[in-house]
């Protein structure tokens, strides 16, 4: 959480340092950190080029989040972010994430209100009903803990997951909800594990 999207706020010297650190790490960790820090897709492509044998279907050592769950946690709807997704997928990254992921890649892009990224992950084969894989459930904007299926985060109103005001978020949530339903998400699963709780 503390390091996600570092590149968005880093000055030129800090960016050089982040790139140098990502290059110095073992290839898998370098790629995972590069996408977490939102370094440009061209840099991620360079890391992948330097490690031709790197298989992103294998998850990081130590039970850390999968590379796609990490990407999705920091993703936005920009062209560069979606290009990074394509690069990761071309090297075997699984849209289902890993059993050790605290949340699925799809759950993360839905959580962040990313319409294009949600559609891209669904088009890549993500299960529209797949929410969090393990760990605590997502916290709704209303403050109600729930089972964490993917449709639940669409109930948020005009606040980002961090609590900032985002006037466009409700319209993006509606588009995300439509994309999930179009992909076959089951509305009856929304609170399946906690039927007594509502958003």
C-alpha atoms as a PDB file:
ATOM      1  CA  UNK A   1       0.000   0.000   0.000  1.00  0.00           C
ATOM      2  CA  UNK A   2       2.773   2.447   0.868  1.00  0.00           C
ATOM      3  CA  UNK A   3       4.615   1.954  -2.410  1.00  0.00           C
ATOM      4  CA  UNK A   4       1.760   1.577  -4.899  1.00  0.00           C
ATOM      5  CA  UNK A   5       1.906   4.147  -7.734  1.00  0.00           C
ATOM      6  CA  UNK A   6       5.189   5.662  -6.535  1.00  0.00           C
ATOM      7  CA  UNK A   7       6.121   6.693 -10.076  1.00  0.00           C
ATOM      8  CA  UNK A   8       3.042   8.896 -10.321  1.00  0.00           C
ATOM      9  CA  UNK A   9       4.444  11.171  -7.629  1.00  0.00           C
ATOM     10  CA  UNK A  10       8.199  10.718  -8.041  1.00  0.00           C
ATOM     11  CA  UNK A  11      10.485  13.400  -9.422  1.00  0.00           C
ATOM     12  CA  UNK A  12      13.171  12.639 -12.038  1.00  0.00           C
ATOM     13  CA  UNK A  13      15.803  11.581  -9.492  1.00  0.00           C
ATOM     14  CA  UNK A  14      13.396   9.293  -7.663  1.00  0.00           C
ATOM     15  CA  UNK A  15      12.274   7.759 -10.971  1.00  0.00           C
ATOM     16  CA  UNK A  16      15.871   6.986 -11.875  1.00  0.00           C
ATOM     17  CA  UNK A  17      16.289   5.363  -8.474  1.00  0.00           C
ATOM     18  CA  UNK A  18      13.134   3.260  -8.884  1.00  0.00           C
ATOM     19  CA  UNK A  19      14.275   2.066 -12.309  1.00  0.00           C
ATOM     20  CA  UNK A  20      17.733   1.214 -10.991  1.00  0.00           C
ATOM     21  CA  UNK A  21      16.245  -0.698  -8.057  1.00  0.00           C
ATOM     22  CA  UNK A  22      13.845  -2.662 -10.290  1.00  0.00           C
ATOM     23  CA  UNK A  23      16.750  -3.630 -12.564  1.00  0.00           C
ATOM     24  CA  UNK A  24      18.871  -4.727  -9.598  1.00  0.00           C
ATOM     25  CA  UNK A  25      16.205  -7.043  -8.159  1.00  0.00           C
ATOM     26  CA  UNK A  26      15.747 -10.647  -9.310  1.00  0.00           C
ATOM     27  CA  UNK A  27      13.686 -10.556 -12.550  1.00  0.00           C
ATOM     28  CA  UNK A  28      10.323 -11.583 -11.055  1.00  0.00           C
ATOM     29  CA  UNK A  29      10.575  -9.122  -8.180  1.00  0.00           C
ATOM     30  CA  UNK A  30      11.791  -6.422 -10.538  1.00  0.00           C
ATOM     31  CA  UNK A  31       8.715  -6.805 -12.746  1.00  0.00           C
ATOM     32  CA  UNK A  32       6.327  -7.032  -9.773  1.00  0.00           C
ATOM     33  CA  UNK A  33       7.762  -3.854  -8.256  1.00  0.00           C
ATOM     34  CA  UNK A  34       7.816  -2.027 -11.591  1.00  0.00           C
ATOM     35  CA  UNK A  35       4.086  -2.604 -12.065  1.00  0.00           C
ATOM     36  CA  UNK A  36       3.325  -1.768  -8.430  1.00  0.00           C
ATOM     37  CA  UNK A  37       5.223   1.501  -8.778  1.00  0.00           C
ATOM     38  CA  UNK A  38       3.495   2.143 -12.149  1.00  0.00           C
ATOM     39  CA  UNK A  39       6.725   2.553 -14.059  1.00  0.00           C
ATOM     40  CA  UNK A  40       6.031   2.979 -17.797  1.00  0.00           C
ATOM     41  CA  UNK A  41       5.154  -0.034 -19.916  1.00  0.00           C
ATOM     42  CA  UNK A  42       8.291   0.574 -22.007  1.00  0.00           C
ATOM     43  CA  UNK A  43      10.362  -0.001 -18.864  1.00  0.00           C
ATOM     44  CA  UNK A  44       8.413  -3.163 -18.010  1.00  0.00           C
ATOM     45  CA  UNK A  45       8.974  -4.333 -21.579  1.00  0.00           C
ATOM     46  CA  UNK A  46      12.719  -3.718 -21.156  1.00  0.00           C
ATOM     47  CA  UNK A  47      12.770  -5.771 -17.935  1.00  0.00           C
ATOM     48  CA  UNK A  48      11.006  -8.618 -19.716  1.00  0.00           C
ATOM     49  CA  UNK A  49      13.417  -8.389 -22.640  1.00  0.00           C
ATOM     50  CA  UNK A  50      16.347  -8.708 -20.221  1.00  0.00           C
ATOM     51  CA  UNK A  51      14.824 -11.885 -18.729  1.00  0.00           C
ATOM     52  CA  UNK A  52      13.667 -13.977 -21.716  1.00  0.00           C
ATOM     53  CA  UNK A  53      13.144 -17.096 -19.582  1.00  0.00           C
ATOM     54  CA  UNK A  54      10.936 -15.344 -17.006  1.00  0.00           C
ATOM     55  CA  UNK A  55       7.577 -17.108 -16.746  1.00  0.00           C
ATOM     56  CA  UNK A  56       4.956 -14.855 -15.165  1.00  0.00           C
ATOM     57  CA  UNK A  57       2.587 -17.771 -14.635  1.00  0.00           C
ATOM     58  CA  UNK A  58       4.878 -18.672 -11.727  1.00  0.00           C
ATOM     59  CA  UNK A  59       4.059 -16.548  -8.707  1.00  0.00           C
ATOM     60  CA  UNK A  60       6.601 -14.469  -6.753  1.00  0.00           C
ATOM     61  CA  UNK A  61       8.599 -16.222  -4.037  1.00  0.00           C
ATOM     62  CA  UNK A  62       7.490 -15.958  -0.446  1.00  0.00           C
ATOM     63  CA  UNK A  63       3.766 -16.070  -1.212  1.00  0.00           C
ATOM     64  CA  UNK A  64       3.559 -12.468  -2.402  1.00  0.00           C
ATOM     65  CA  UNK A  65       0.743 -11.284  -4.672  1.00  0.00           C
ATOM     66  CA  UNK A  66       0.776 -12.436  -8.276  1.00  0.00           C
ATOM     67  CA  UNK A  67       2.106 -10.007 -10.857  1.00  0.00           C
ATOM     68  CA  UNK A  68      -1.385  -9.393 -12.294  1.00  0.00           C
ATOM     69  CA  UNK A  69      -2.980  -8.797  -8.887  1.00  0.00           C
ATOM     70  CA  UNK A  70      -0.178  -6.303  -8.238  1.00  0.00           C
ATOM     71  CA  UNK A  71      -0.699  -4.642 -11.622  1.00  0.00           C
ATOM     72  CA  UNK A  72      -4.463  -4.458 -11.024  1.00  0.00           C
ATOM     73  CA  UNK A  73      -3.997  -2.894  -7.595  1.00  0.00           C
ATOM     74  CA  UNK A  74      -2.127   0.019  -9.197  1.00  0.00           C
ATOM     75  CA  UNK A  75      -3.846   0.044 -12.606  1.00  0.00           C
ATOM     76  CA  UNK A  76      -5.711   2.911 -14.167  1.00  0.00           C
ATOM     77  CA  UNK A  77      -7.633   3.152 -17.433  1.00  0.00           C
ATOM     78  CA  UNK A  78      -4.804   4.774 -19.367  1.00  0.00           C
ATOM     79  CA  UNK A  79      -3.318   3.307 -22.541  1.00  0.00           C
ATOM     80  CA  UNK A  80       0.044   2.675 -20.874  1.00  0.00           C
ATOM     81  CA  UNK A  81      -1.494   0.689 -18.025  1.00  0.00           C
ATOM     82  CA  UNK A  82      -3.429  -1.470 -20.492  1.00  0.00           C
ATOM     83  CA  UNK A  83      -0.265  -1.994 -22.547  1.00  0.00           C
ATOM     84  CA  UNK A  84       1.441  -3.248 -19.384  1.00  0.00           C
ATOM     85  CA  UNK A  85      -1.419  -5.718 -18.932  1.00  0.00           C
ATOM     86  CA  UNK A  86      -0.885  -7.028 -22.469  1.00  0.00           C
ATOM     87  CA  UNK A  87       2.868  -7.389 -21.867  1.00  0.00           C
ATOM     88  CA  UNK A  88       2.305  -9.333 -18.643  1.00  0.00           C
ATOM     89  CA  UNK A  89      -0.280 -11.582 -20.287  1.00  0.00           C
ATOM     90  CA  UNK A  90       2.098 -12.278 -23.180  1.00  0.00           C
ATOM     91  CA  UNK A  91       4.543 -13.752 -20.647  1.00  0.00           C
ATOM     92  CA  UNK A  92       2.014 -16.029 -18.985  1.00  0.00           C
ATOM     93  CA  UNK A  93       0.481 -13.883 -16.235  1.00  0.00           C
ATOM     94  CA  UNK A  94      -2.818 -15.465 -15.199  1.00  0.00           C
ATOM     95  CA  UNK A  95      -5.957 -13.305 -14.987  1.00  0.00           C
ATOM     96  CA  UNK A  96      -7.145 -15.522 -12.135  1.00  0.00           C
ATOM     97  CA  UNK A  97      -4.178 -14.434 -10.022  1.00  0.00           C
ATOM     98  CA  UNK A  98      -2.885 -16.812  -7.343  1.00  0.00           C
ATOM     99  CA  UNK A  99      -4.499 -18.654  -4.461  1.00  0.00           C
ATOM    100  CA  UNK A 100      -2.339 -16.547  -2.143  1.00  0.00           C
ATOM    101  CA  UNK A 101      -3.552 -13.223  -3.577  1.00  0.00           C
ATOM    102  CA  UNK A 102      -5.559 -11.181  -1.061  1.00  0.00           C
ATOM    103  CA  UNK A 103      -7.848 -10.273  -3.973  1.00  0.00           C
ATOM    104  CA  UNK A 104      -8.177 -11.256  -7.605  1.00  0.00           C
ATOM    105  CA  UNK A 105      -6.915  -9.014 -10.437  1.00  0.00           C
ATOM    106  CA  UNK A 106     -10.539  -8.452 -11.464  1.00  0.00           C
ATOM    107  CA  UNK A 107     -11.571  -7.516  -7.945  1.00  0.00           C
ATOM    108  CA  UNK A 108      -8.732  -4.965  -7.804  1.00  0.00           C
ATOM    109  CA  UNK A 109      -9.624  -3.148 -11.031  1.00  0.00           C
ATOM    110  CA  UNK A 110     -13.303  -3.119 -10.038  1.00  0.00           C
ATOM    111  CA  UNK A 111     -12.295  -1.787  -6.609  1.00  0.00           C
ATOM    112  CA  UNK A 112     -10.352   1.034  -8.279  1.00  0.00           C
ATOM    113  CA  UNK A 113     -13.205   2.019 -10.598  1.00  0.00           C
ATOM    114  CA  UNK A 114     -11.293   1.187 -13.800  1.00  0.00           C
ATOM    115  CA  UNK A 115     -13.791   0.576 -16.615  1.00  0.00           C
ATOM    116  CA  UNK A 116     -11.356  -0.185 -19.440  1.00  0.00           C
ATOM    117  CA  UNK A 117      -9.143  -2.326 -17.226  1.00  0.00           C
ATOM    118  CA  UNK A 118     -12.181  -4.262 -15.969  1.00  0.00           C
ATOM    119  CA  UNK A 119     -13.272  -4.965 -19.535  1.00  0.00           C
ATOM    120  CA  UNK A 120      -9.723  -5.947 -20.535  1.00  0.00           C
ATOM    121  CA  UNK A 121      -9.378  -8.397 -17.650  1.00  0.00           C
ATOM    122  CA  UNK A 122     -12.798  -9.884 -18.419  1.00  0.00           C
ATOM    123  CA  UNK A 123     -11.914 -10.197 -22.116  1.00  0.00           C
ATOM    124  CA  UNK A 124      -8.708 -11.989 -21.083  1.00  0.00           C
ATOM    125  CA  UNK A 125     -10.840 -14.660 -19.423  1.00  0.00           C
ATOM    126  CA  UNK A 126     -11.355 -13.595 -15.806  1.00  0.00           C
ATOM    127  CA  UNK A 127     -14.328 -15.135 -14.016  1.00  0.00           C
ATOM    128  CA  UNK A 128     -16.872 -12.309 -13.527  1.00  0.00           C
ATOM    129  CA  UNK A 129     -17.955 -13.848 -10.214  1.00  0.00           C
ATOM    130  CA  UNK A 130     -14.417 -14.207  -8.846  1.00  0.00           C
ATOM    131  CA  UNK A 131     -13.832 -11.755  -6.028  1.00  0.00           C
ATOM    132  CA  UNK A 132     -11.327 -12.038  -3.233  1.00  0.00           C
ATOM    133  CA  UNK A 133      -9.361 -15.278  -3.074  1.00  0.00           C
ATOM    134  CA  UNK A 134      -8.416 -15.201   0.614  1.00  0.00           C
ATOM    135  CA  UNK A 135      -7.998 -12.849   3.535  1.00  0.00           C
ATOM    136  CA  UNK A 136     -10.492 -10.318   4.842  1.00  0.00           C
ATOM    137  CA  UNK A 137     -13.418  -9.201   2.694  1.00  0.00           C
ATOM    138  CA  UNK A 138     -13.543  -5.847   0.962  1.00  0.00           C
ATOM    139  CA  UNK A 139     -14.802  -2.937   3.029  1.00  0.00           C
ATOM    140  CA  UNK A 140     -17.783  -1.211   1.467  1.00  0.00           C
ATOM    141  CA  UNK A 141     -18.020   2.552   1.326  1.00  0.00           C
ATOM    142  CA  UNK A 142     -20.958   2.227   3.703  1.00  0.00           C
ATOM    143  CA  UNK A 143     -18.687   0.599   6.273  1.00  0.00           C
ATOM    144  CA  UNK A 144     -20.322  -2.834   6.041  1.00  0.00           C
ATOM    145  CA  UNK A 145     -18.022  -5.860   5.868  1.00  0.00           C
ATOM    146  CA  UNK A 146     -19.262  -8.368   3.331  1.00  0.00           C
ATOM    147  CA  UNK A 147     -18.277 -11.515   1.480  1.00  0.00           C
ATOM    148  CA  UNK A 148     -16.226  -9.759  -1.180  1.00  0.00           C
ATOM    149  CA  UNK A 149     -17.747 -11.014  -4.416  1.00  0.00           C
ATOM    150  CA  UNK A 150     -16.931  -8.791  -7.372  1.00  0.00           C
ATOM    151  CA  UNK A 151     -20.351  -7.186  -7.752  1.00  0.00           C
ATOM    152  CA  UNK A 152     -20.255  -5.723  -4.243  1.00  0.00           C
ATOM    153  CA  UNK A 153     -17.680  -2.968  -4.884  1.00  0.00           C
ATOM    154  CA  UNK A 154     -19.994  -1.510  -7.537  1.00  0.00           C
ATOM    155  CA  UNK A 155     -22.267  -0.369  -4.712  1.00  0.00           C
ATOM    156  CA  UNK A 156     -19.830   2.397  -3.722  1.00  0.00           C
ATOM    157  CA  UNK A 157     -21.006   5.913  -4.420  1.00  0.00           C
ATOM    158  CA  UNK A 158     -18.765   8.912  -5.167  1.00  0.00           C
ATOM    159  CA  UNK A 159     -15.778   8.009  -2.968  1.00  0.00           C
ATOM    160  CA  UNK A 160     -12.603   6.242  -4.028  1.00  0.00           C
ATOM    161  CA  UNK A 161     -11.393   3.256  -1.982  1.00  0.00           C
ATOM    162  CA  UNK A 162      -9.127   5.717  -0.157  1.00  0.00           C
ATOM    163  CA  UNK A 163     -12.088   7.977   0.631  1.00  0.00           C
ATOM    164  CA  UNK A 164     -11.377  10.813  -1.820  1.00  0.00           C
ATOM    165  CA  UNK A 165     -14.274  12.500  -3.601  1.00  0.00           C
ATOM    166  CA  UNK A 166     -14.593  11.341  -7.231  1.00  0.00           C
ATOM    167  CA  UNK A 167     -17.697  12.785  -8.949  1.00  0.00           C
ATOM    168  CA  UNK A 168     -17.270  10.527 -12.006  1.00  0.00           C
ATOM    169  CA  UNK A 169     -17.082   7.345  -9.963  1.00  0.00           C
ATOM    170  CA  UNK A 170     -20.834   6.560  -9.931  1.00  0.00           C
ATOM    171  CA  UNK A 171     -21.010   6.568 -13.744  1.00  0.00           C
ATOM    172  CA  UNK A 172     -17.879   4.400 -13.946  1.00  0.00           C
ATOM    173  CA  UNK A 173     -19.348   2.004 -11.379  1.00  0.00           C
ATOM    174  CA  UNK A 174     -22.482   1.666 -13.536  1.00  0.00           C
ATOM    175  CA  UNK A 175     -20.331   0.823 -16.573  1.00  0.00           C
ATOM    176  CA  UNK A 176     -18.333  -1.700 -14.538  1.00  0.00           C
ATOM    177  CA  UNK A 177     -21.529  -3.297 -13.268  1.00  0.00           C
ATOM    178  CA  UNK A 178     -22.828  -3.557 -16.859  1.00  0.00           C
ATOM    179  CA  UNK A 179     -19.536  -5.110 -17.995  1.00  0.00           C
ATOM    180  CA  UNK A 180     -19.657  -7.699 -15.203  1.00  0.00           C
ATOM    181  CA  UNK A 181     -23.273  -8.585 -15.936  1.00  0.00           C
ATOM    182  CA  UNK A 182     -22.565  -8.771 -19.687  1.00  0.00           C
ATOM    183  CA  UNK A 183     -19.728 -11.183 -18.887  1.00  0.00           C
ATOM    184  CA  UNK A 184     -22.120 -13.417 -16.934  1.00  0.00           C
ATOM    185  CA  UNK A 185     -21.753 -12.292 -13.325  1.00  0.00           C
ATOM    186  CA  UNK A 186     -24.487 -13.723 -11.127  1.00  0.00           C
ATOM    187  CA  UNK A 187     -26.333 -11.004  -9.150  1.00  0.00           C
ATOM    188  CA  UNK A 188     -27.550 -13.633  -6.695  1.00  0.00           C
ATOM    189  CA  UNK A 189     -23.954 -14.158  -5.537  1.00  0.00           C
ATOM    190  CA  UNK A 190     -23.499 -10.565  -4.413  1.00  0.00           C
ATOM    191  CA  UNK A 191     -23.866 -11.362  -0.707  1.00  0.00           C
ATOM    192  CA  UNK A 192     -23.919 -15.139  -0.891  1.00  0.00           C
ATOM    193  CA  UNK A 193     -21.529 -15.658   2.022  1.00  0.00           C
ATOM    194  CA  UNK A 194     -23.219 -13.071   4.232  1.00  0.00           C
ATOM    195  CA  UNK A 195     -26.900 -12.949   3.238  1.00  0.00           C
ATOM    196  CA  UNK A 196     -27.863 -10.875   6.250  1.00  0.00           C
ATOM    197  CA  UNK A 197     -25.584  -7.983   5.313  1.00  0.00           C
ATOM    198  CA  UNK A 198     -26.396  -5.297   2.783  1.00  0.00           C
ATOM    199  CA  UNK A 199     -24.404  -2.456   1.313  1.00  0.00           C
END
